[in-house]
Amino acid sequence: MDARHNQPRIGHIVMGRGRDAADVPISTAFGVAKLVRFDVVTDELPQPRTS
């Protein structure tokens, strides 16, 4: 499911694509897992030059 309906939106970054949440999990663990911290770091790439 794509909540953006394949339309680009300013301020949103696609972090993963798949058929469902099992294709692109944030983490995989068996048993109890407590998320203590979750950081996302992004960098803007320079625009390619057009001739």
N, C-alpha and C. Protein backbone atom coordinates (compact mmCIF):
# COMPACT_ATOMS: atom_id res chain seq x y z
N MET A 1 0.85 -1.17 0.00
CA MET A 1 0.00 0.00 0.00
C MET A 1 0.89 1.23 0.00
N ASP A 2 0.59 2.17 -0.83
CA ASP A 2 1.34 3.42 -0.89
C ASP A 2 0.39 4.54 -0.51
N ALA A 3 0.56 5.08 0.67
CA ALA A 3 -0.32 6.16 1.13
C ALA A 3 -0.18 7.42 0.29
N ARG A 4 0.92 7.53 -0.45
CA ARG A 4 1.13 8.70 -1.31
C ARG A 4 0.48 8.53 -2.67
N HIS A 5 -0.01 7.34 -2.97
CA HIS A 5 -0.62 7.05 -4.28
C HIS A 5 0.35 7.36 -5.42
N ASN A 6 1.64 7.04 -5.19
CA ASN A 6 2.71 7.24 -6.18
C ASN A 6 2.88 8.69 -6.61
N GLN A 7 2.43 9.62 -5.79
CA GLN A 7 2.61 11.04 -6.08
C GLN A 7 3.73 11.58 -5.19
N PRO A 8 4.72 12.29 -5.78
CA PRO A 8 5.79 12.85 -4.95
C PRO A 8 5.22 13.92 -4.01
N ARG A 9 5.72 13.93 -2.80
CA ARG A 9 5.30 14.91 -1.80
C ARG A 9 6.52 15.51 -1.15
N ILE A 10 6.50 16.79 -0.92
CA ILE A 10 7.61 17.46 -0.25
C ILE A 10 7.54 17.15 1.24
N GLY A 11 8.66 16.78 1.82
CA GLY A 11 8.73 16.53 3.23
C GLY A 11 8.56 15.08 3.63
N HIS A 12 8.30 14.19 2.69
CA HIS A 12 8.18 12.77 3.00
C HIS A 12 9.27 12.01 2.27
N ILE A 13 9.86 11.06 2.93
CA ILE A 13 10.94 10.27 2.35
C ILE A 13 10.54 8.81 2.40
N VAL A 14 10.59 8.14 1.26
CA VAL A 14 10.30 6.71 1.22
C VAL A 14 11.50 5.97 1.81
N MET A 15 11.27 5.22 2.87
CA MET A 15 12.35 4.49 3.53
C MET A 15 12.39 3.03 3.11
N GLY A 16 11.32 2.54 2.53
CA GLY A 16 11.28 1.15 2.11
C GLY A 16 10.04 0.88 1.28
N ARG A 17 10.14 -0.09 0.40
CA ARG A 17 9.00 -0.49 -0.43
C ARG A 17 8.88 -1.99 -0.40
N GLY A 18 7.66 -2.46 -0.38
CA GLY A 18 7.44 -3.90 -0.37
C GLY A 18 5.96 -4.20 -0.47
N ARG A 19 5.67 -5.49 -0.46
CA ARG A 19 4.28 -5.92 -0.55
C ARG A 19 3.53 -5.64 0.74
N ASP A 20 4.20 -5.77 1.87
CA ASP A 20 3.59 -5.50 3.17
C ASP A 20 4.70 -5.21 4.18
N ALA A 21 4.32 -5.05 5.44
CA ALA A 21 5.30 -4.67 6.47
C ALA A 21 6.37 -5.73 6.67
N ALA A 22 6.09 -6.98 6.34
CA ALA A 22 7.09 -8.04 6.49
C ALA A 22 8.23 -7.89 5.48
N ASP A 23 7.98 -7.25 4.34
CA ASP A 23 9.02 -7.05 3.34
C ASP A 23 10.03 -5.97 3.75
N VAL A 24 9.60 -4.99 4.51
CA VAL A 24 10.49 -3.89 4.91
C VAL A 24 10.31 -3.56 6.40
N PRO A 25 10.68 -4.50 7.28
CA PRO A 25 10.50 -4.25 8.71
C PRO A 25 11.54 -3.25 9.23
N ILE A 26 11.18 -2.53 10.27
CA ILE A 26 12.13 -1.63 10.93
C ILE A 26 13.22 -2.47 11.59
N SER A 27 12.82 -3.58 12.21
CA SER A 27 13.78 -4.49 12.81
C SER A 27 13.16 -5.88 12.85
N THR A 28 14.00 -6.87 13.00
CA THR A 28 13.51 -8.24 13.18
C THR A 28 14.11 -8.80 14.45
N ALA A 29 13.26 -9.36 15.28
CA ALA A 29 13.72 -9.95 16.54
C ALA A 29 12.72 -11.01 16.96
N PHE A 30 13.20 -11.99 17.68
CA PHE A 30 12.33 -13.02 18.23
C PHE A 30 12.28 -12.83 19.73
N GLY A 31 11.11 -12.89 20.30
CA GLY A 31 10.95 -12.67 21.72
C GLY A 31 10.68 -11.20 22.01
N VAL A 32 10.83 -10.83 23.27
CA VAL A 32 10.56 -9.46 23.70
C VAL A 32 11.67 -8.53 23.20
N ALA A 33 11.28 -7.44 22.59
CA ALA A 33 12.25 -6.44 22.14
C ALA A 33 11.71 -5.06 22.50
N LYS A 34 12.48 -4.29 23.22
CA LYS A 34 12.06 -2.96 23.64
C LYS A 34 12.85 -1.93 22.84
N LEU A 35 12.14 -1.13 22.04
CA LEU A 35 12.78 -0.09 21.26
C LEU A 35 13.12 1.08 22.17
N VAL A 36 14.40 1.31 22.37
CA VAL A 36 14.84 2.36 23.27
C VAL A 36 15.08 3.66 22.52
N ARG A 37 15.57 3.53 21.28
CA ARG A 37 15.89 4.73 20.51
C ARG A 37 15.78 4.41 19.03
N PHE A 38 15.32 5.37 18.25
CA PHE A 38 15.20 5.19 16.81
C PHE A 38 15.53 6.52 16.16
N ASP A 39 16.64 6.59 15.44
CA ASP A 39 17.06 7.82 14.77
C ASP A 39 17.04 7.60 13.26
N VAL A 40 16.63 8.62 12.55
CA VAL A 40 16.67 8.62 11.09
C VAL A 40 17.49 9.83 10.67
N VAL A 41 18.53 9.59 9.89
CA VAL A 41 19.39 10.67 9.41
C VAL A 41 19.27 10.72 7.89
N THR A 42 19.02 11.91 7.36
CA THR A 42 18.90 12.07 5.91
C THR A 42 19.82 13.17 5.43
N ASP A 43 20.29 13.04 4.21
CA ASP A 43 21.09 14.05 3.55
C ASP A 43 20.50 14.32 2.18
N GLU A 44 20.43 15.58 1.80
CA GLU A 44 19.92 15.94 0.48
C GLU A 44 21.03 15.72 -0.54
N LEU A 45 20.71 15.03 -1.61
CA LEU A 45 21.67 14.79 -2.69
C LEU A 45 21.63 15.97 -3.66
N PRO A 46 22.80 16.32 -4.23
CA PRO A 46 22.79 17.40 -5.22
C PRO A 46 22.00 17.00 -6.45
N GLN A 47 21.35 17.96 -7.07
CA GLN A 47 20.60 17.70 -8.29
C GLN A 47 21.56 17.41 -9.43
N PRO A 48 21.27 16.42 -10.27
CA PRO A 48 22.15 16.13 -11.40
C PRO A 48 22.13 17.27 -12.41
N ARG A 49 23.26 17.49 -13.02
CA ARG A 49 23.35 18.57 -14.04
C ARG A 49 22.68 18.10 -15.33
N THR A 50 21.98 19.01 -15.95
CA THR A 50 21.39 18.70 -17.26
C THR A 50 22.11 19.51 -18.31
N SER A 51 22.37 18.90 -19.43
CA SER A 51 23.12 19.59 -20.50
C SER A 51 22.18 20.21 -21.50
